[in-house]
Amino acid sequence: MPLDPAFVEECFYLPEGLLIDEILDVDVADSRIRVRMPTHDDLPITRTQRVHPVLHPRHVSGGLMIHMTGVAGMVHAYYVLGLRHSEGWVGYGGAIHKGRFKNLARPGEPIIIDCKATTVRQRTKSVVARYDLRFTQGDAEVYHGDQTAMWMKVEAE
């Protein structure tokens, strides 16, 4: 499904910072979401690479992929956990327990990001979620992460 304007309005980033164009699946019962990230030569960081066809081919930056783990977390928080920024919820990455860049992601074919919460501890004003994140491009897994994020409800002053 295309991005819902209500979701985009709730995000911590402007639309150009989300870098996803489609939500492919939301499975509340399995605590899982899947999104699609287009890839192209003009992605942030990617566009400024000094490219060598053999030694350093153009690729989706690892730093950008870490950013995308946060975007996936926002999608999960919105659609699965029901957290809304407009209701005072804010979220931050807490820890990358394990992160592996398994293959270069090259501009062209989209990256599919699969994000599953493996544990969720939900309290009245906080949520801690641990995520298994898998990024694939075609048949290749390009990133696998085991990461924790924390969501807090902040009272407006």
C-alpha atoms as a PDB file:
ATOM      1  CA  MET A   1       0.000   0.000   0.000  1.00  0.00           C
ATOM      2  CA  PRO A   2       1.231   3.517  -0.674  1.00  0.00           C
ATOM      3  CA  LEU A   3       2.213   5.651   2.285  1.00  0.00           C
ATOM      4  CA  ASP A   4      -0.794   6.846   4.253  1.00  0.00           C
ATOM      5  CA  PRO A   5      -0.700  10.664   4.695  1.00  0.00           C
ATOM      6  CA  ALA A   6      -1.705  10.225   8.377  1.00  0.00           C
ATOM      7  CA  PHE A   7       1.369   8.028   8.923  1.00  0.00           C
ATOM      8  CA  VAL A   8       3.640  10.493   7.102  1.00  0.00           C
ATOM      9  CA  GLU A   9       2.276  13.323   9.276  1.00  0.00           C
ATOM     10  CA  GLU A  10       3.148  11.357  12.452  1.00  0.00           C
ATOM     11  CA  CYS A  11       6.758  10.614  11.444  1.00  0.00           C
ATOM     12  CA  PHE A  12       9.825  12.234  13.000  1.00  0.00           C
ATOM     13  CA  TYR A  13      11.207  12.916   9.496  1.00  0.00           C
ATOM     14  CA  LEU A  14       9.839  14.845   6.556  1.00  0.00           C
ATOM     15  CA  PRO A  15       8.720  12.623   3.651  1.00  0.00           C
ATOM     16  CA  GLU A  16      12.069  12.978   1.869  1.00  0.00           C
ATOM     17  CA  GLY A  17      13.804  11.577   4.973  1.00  0.00           C
ATOM     18  CA  LEU A  18      11.639   8.451   5.134  1.00  0.00           C
ATOM     19  CA  LEU A  19      13.095   6.991   1.929  1.00  0.00           C
ATOM     20  CA  ILE A  20      10.352   4.365   1.630  1.00  0.00           C
ATOM     21  CA  ASP A  21       7.666   4.373  -1.016  1.00  0.00           C
ATOM     22  CA  GLU A  22       5.460   1.487   0.002  1.00  0.00           C
ATOM     23  CA  ILE A  23       4.350  -0.496   3.020  1.00  0.00           C
ATOM     24  CA  LEU A  24       4.235  -4.066   1.769  1.00  0.00           C
ATOM     25  CA  ASP A  25       2.862  -5.854   4.824  1.00  0.00           C
ATOM     26  CA  VAL A  26       1.669  -5.219   8.350  1.00  0.00           C
ATOM     27  CA  ASP A  27       1.127  -8.290  10.529  1.00  0.00           C
ATOM     28  CA  VAL A  28       0.019  -7.171  13.990  1.00  0.00           C
ATOM     29  CA  ALA A  29      -0.335 -10.736  15.305  1.00  0.00           C
ATOM     30  CA  ASP A  30       3.276 -11.557  14.319  1.00  0.00           C
ATOM     31  CA  SER A  31       4.547  -8.054  15.290  1.00  0.00           C
ATOM     32  CA  ARG A  32       6.083  -7.642  11.816  1.00  0.00           C
ATOM     33  CA  ILE A  33       6.138  -5.032   9.053  1.00  0.00           C
ATOM     34  CA  ARG A  34       7.718  -4.987   5.581  1.00  0.00           C
ATOM     35  CA  VAL A  35       8.517  -1.857   3.591  1.00  0.00           C
ATOM     36  CA  ARG A  36      10.148  -1.040   0.284  1.00  0.00           C
ATOM     37  CA  MET A  37      13.060   1.360  -0.130  1.00  0.00           C
ATOM     38  CA  PRO A  38      13.795   2.529  -3.675  1.00  0.00           C
ATOM     39  CA  THR A  39      17.490   2.748  -4.478  1.00  0.00           C
ATOM     40  CA  HIS A  40      19.088   5.149  -6.929  1.00  0.00           C
ATOM     41  CA  ASP A  41      22.309   7.086  -7.450  1.00  0.00           C
ATOM     42  CA  ASP A  42      20.893  10.221  -5.815  1.00  0.00           C
ATOM     43  CA  LEU A  43      20.273   8.784  -2.339  1.00  0.00           C
ATOM     44  CA  PRO A  44      21.790  10.803   0.510  1.00  0.00           C
ATOM     45  CA  ILE A  45      25.447   9.867   1.079  1.00  0.00           C
ATOM     46  CA  THR A  46      25.355   7.558  -1.965  1.00  0.00           C
ATOM     47  CA  ARG A  47      25.383  10.552  -4.333  1.00  0.00           C
ATOM     48  CA  THR A  48      28.612  11.887  -2.792  1.00  0.00           C
ATOM     49  CA  GLN A  49      30.659   8.682  -3.044  1.00  0.00           C
ATOM     50  CA  ARG A  50      33.932   8.685  -4.926  1.00  0.00           C
ATOM     51  CA  VAL A  51      33.325   5.753  -7.199  1.00  0.00           C
ATOM     52  CA  HIS A  52      35.799   3.288  -8.633  1.00  0.00           C
ATOM     53  CA  PRO A  53      34.238   0.498 -10.732  1.00  0.00           C
ATOM     54  CA  VAL A  54      36.236  -2.231  -8.994  1.00  0.00           C
ATOM     55  CA  LEU A  55      37.611  -0.893  -5.708  1.00  0.00           C
ATOM     56  CA  HIS A  56      34.640   1.196  -4.575  1.00  0.00           C
ATOM     57  CA  PRO A  57      31.497   0.759  -6.692  1.00  0.00           C
ATOM     58  CA  ARG A  58      28.514   3.004  -6.059  1.00  0.00           C
ATOM     59  CA  HIS A  59      26.353   1.466  -3.329  1.00  0.00           C
ATOM     60  CA  VAL A  60      23.724   2.298  -0.744  1.00  0.00           C
ATOM     61  CA  SER A  61      25.625   3.640   2.237  1.00  0.00           C
ATOM     62  CA  GLY A  62      25.760   1.511   5.375  1.00  0.00           C
ATOM     63  CA  GLY A  63      25.005   4.615   7.434  1.00  0.00           C
ATOM     64  CA  LEU A  64      21.873   5.166   5.400  1.00  0.00           C
ATOM     65  CA  MET A  65      20.810   1.578   6.026  1.00  0.00           C
ATOM     66  CA  ILE A  66      21.189   2.145   9.775  1.00  0.00           C
ATOM     67  CA  HIS A  67      18.923   5.196   9.378  1.00  0.00           C
ATOM     68  CA  MET A  68      16.433   2.926   7.616  1.00  0.00           C
ATOM     69  CA  THR A  69      16.310   0.613  10.641  1.00  0.00           C
ATOM     70  CA  GLY A  70      14.872   3.602  12.502  1.00  0.00           C
ATOM     71  CA  VAL A  71      12.352   4.253   9.732  1.00  0.00           C
ATOM     72  CA  ALA A  72      11.271   0.601   9.942  1.00  0.00           C
ATOM     73  CA  GLY A  73      10.933   1.035  13.713  1.00  0.00           C
ATOM     74  CA  MET A  74       8.657   4.056  13.168  1.00  0.00           C
ATOM     75  CA  VAL A  75       6.455   2.040  10.800  1.00  0.00           C
ATOM     76  CA  HIS A  76       6.272  -0.759  13.379  1.00  0.00           C
ATOM     77  CA  ALA A  77       5.480   1.660  16.212  1.00  0.00           C
ATOM     78  CA  TYR A  78       2.694   3.309  14.223  1.00  0.00           C
ATOM     79  CA  TYR A  79       0.999   0.284  12.660  1.00  0.00           C
ATOM     80  CA  VAL A  80       1.679  -2.497  15.179  1.00  0.00           C
ATOM     81  CA  LEU A  81       2.098  -0.746  18.548  1.00  0.00           C
ATOM     82  CA  GLY A  82      -0.336   2.102  17.830  1.00  0.00           C
ATOM     83  CA  LEU A  83       2.059   4.815  19.059  1.00  0.00           C
ATOM     84  CA  ARG A  84       1.436   8.338  17.786  1.00  0.00           C
ATOM     85  CA  HIS A  85       3.832  11.274  17.907  1.00  0.00           C
ATOM     86  CA  SER A  86       0.808  13.578  18.129  1.00  0.00           C
ATOM     87  CA  GLU A  87      -0.084  11.848  21.432  1.00  0.00           C
ATOM     88  CA  GLY A  88       3.383  12.486  22.868  1.00  0.00           C
ATOM     89  CA  TRP A  89       5.253   9.324  21.823  1.00  0.00           C
ATOM     90  CA  VAL A  90       8.886   9.716  20.776  1.00  0.00           C
ATOM     91  CA  GLY A  91      11.319   6.949  19.911  1.00  0.00           C
ATOM     92  CA  TYR A  92      15.071   6.479  19.775  1.00  0.00           C
ATOM     93  CA  GLY A  93      17.423   3.696  18.839  1.00  0.00           C
ATOM     94  CA  GLY A  94      18.935   2.214  21.956  1.00  0.00           C
ATOM     95  CA  ALA A  95      21.406  -0.442  20.896  1.00  0.00           C
ATOM     96  CA  ILE A  96      22.704  -2.307  17.890  1.00  0.00           C
ATOM     97  CA  HIS A  97      23.393  -5.695  19.431  1.00  0.00           C
ATOM     98  CA  LYS A  98      24.505  -7.126  16.129  1.00  0.00           C
ATOM     99  CA  GLY A  99      24.670  -5.556  12.702  1.00  0.00           C
ATOM    100  CA  ARG A 100      26.058  -7.319   9.645  1.00  0.00           C
ATOM    101  CA  PHE A 101      26.470  -5.887   6.188  1.00  0.00           C
ATOM    102  CA  LYS A 102      26.342  -9.058   4.139  1.00  0.00           C
ATOM    103  CA  ASN A 103      26.441  -7.767   0.548  1.00  0.00           C
ATOM    104  CA  LEU A 104      26.730  -4.422  -1.194  1.00  0.00           C
ATOM    105  CA  ALA A 105      23.370  -2.916  -2.054  1.00  0.00           C
ATOM    106  CA  ARG A 106      23.712  -1.260  -5.428  1.00  0.00           C
ATOM    107  CA  PRO A 107      21.434   1.429  -6.806  1.00  0.00           C
ATOM    108  CA  GLY A 108      18.659   0.083  -8.994  1.00  0.00           C
ATOM    109  CA  GLU A 109      16.578  -2.691  -7.473  1.00  0.00           C
ATOM    110  CA  PRO A 110      14.627  -1.714  -4.333  1.00  0.00           C
ATOM    111  CA  ILE A 111      15.572  -2.964  -0.891  1.00  0.00           C
ATOM    112  CA  ILE A 112      12.881  -4.821   1.038  1.00  0.00           C
ATOM    113  CA  ILE A 113      13.083  -4.229   4.784  1.00  0.00           C
ATOM    114  CA  ASP A 114      11.537  -6.857   7.026  1.00  0.00           C
ATOM    115  CA  CYS A 115      11.222  -5.746  10.654  1.00  0.00           C
ATOM    116  CA  LYS A 116       9.962  -8.100  13.371  1.00  0.00           C
ATOM    117  CA  ALA A 117       9.746  -7.270  17.049  1.00  0.00           C
ATOM    118  CA  THR A 118      11.181 -10.254  18.908  1.00  0.00           C
ATOM    119  CA  THR A 119      10.322  -8.796  22.318  1.00  0.00           C
ATOM    120  CA  VAL A 120       8.144  -5.883  23.374  1.00  0.00           C
ATOM    121  CA  ARG A 121       7.923  -4.576  26.941  1.00  0.00           C
ATOM    122  CA  GLN A 122       5.055  -2.114  27.074  1.00  0.00           C
ATOM    123  CA  ARG A 123       4.279   0.088  30.060  1.00  0.00           C
ATOM    124  CA  THR A 124       2.004   3.095  30.410  1.00  0.00           C
ATOM    125  CA  LYS A 125       4.626   5.639  29.345  1.00  0.00           C
ATOM    126  CA  SER A 126       7.348   3.542  27.748  1.00  0.00           C
ATOM    127  CA  VAL A 127       7.872   0.737  25.288  1.00  0.00           C
ATOM    128  CA  VAL A 128      11.124  -1.144  24.719  1.00  0.00           C
ATOM    129  CA  ALA A 129      11.207  -3.273  21.594  1.00  0.00           C
ATOM    130  CA  ARG A 130      13.923  -5.510  20.254  1.00  0.00           C
ATOM    131  CA  TYR A 131      13.895  -5.957  16.498  1.00  0.00           C
ATOM    132  CA  ASP A 132      15.190  -8.463  13.992  1.00  0.00           C
ATOM    133  CA  LEU A 133      15.779  -6.479  10.785  1.00  0.00           C
ATOM    134  CA  ARG A 134      16.549  -8.027   7.423  1.00  0.00           C
ATOM    135  CA  PHE A 135      17.254  -6.006   4.299  1.00  0.00           C
ATOM    136  CA  THR A 136      17.163  -7.867   0.994  1.00  0.00           C
ATOM    137  CA  GLN A 137      17.806  -6.732  -2.539  1.00  0.00           C
ATOM    138  CA  GLY A 138      16.657  -9.339  -5.043  1.00  0.00           C
ATOM    139  CA  ASP A 139      17.860 -12.688  -3.716  1.00  0.00           C
ATOM    140  CA  ALA A 140      20.680 -11.204  -1.619  1.00  0.00           C
ATOM    141  CA  GLU A 141      20.491 -10.265   2.027  1.00  0.00           C
ATOM    142  CA  VAL A 142      22.377  -6.966   2.343  1.00  0.00           C
ATOM    143  CA  TYR A 143      21.944  -6.207   6.055  1.00  0.00           C
ATOM    144  CA  HIS A 144      20.867  -8.124   9.141  1.00  0.00           C
ATOM    145  CA  GLY A 145      20.413  -6.339  12.438  1.00  0.00           C
ATOM    146  CA  ASP A 146      19.419  -7.185  15.990  1.00  0.00           C
ATOM    147  CA  GLN A 147      18.552  -3.836  17.547  1.00  0.00           C
ATOM    148  CA  THR A 148      16.643  -2.270  20.425  1.00  0.00           C
ATOM    149  CA  ALA A 149      14.582   0.907  20.408  1.00  0.00           C
ATOM    150  CA  MET A 150      12.839   2.757  23.209  1.00  0.00           C
ATOM    151  CA  TRP A 151       9.610   4.714  22.906  1.00  0.00           C
ATOM    152  CA  MET A 152       8.593   7.180  25.626  1.00  0.00           C
ATOM    153  CA  LYS A 153       5.420   9.144  26.149  1.00  0.00           C
ATOM    154  CA  VAL A 154       6.277  12.758  26.950  1.00  0.00           C
ATOM    155  CA  GLU A 155       3.695  15.050  28.505  1.00  0.00           C
ATOM    156  CA  ALA A 156       3.200  18.362  26.721  1.00  0.00           C
ATOM    157  CA  GLU A 157       4.193  21.395  28.769  1.00  0.00           C
END
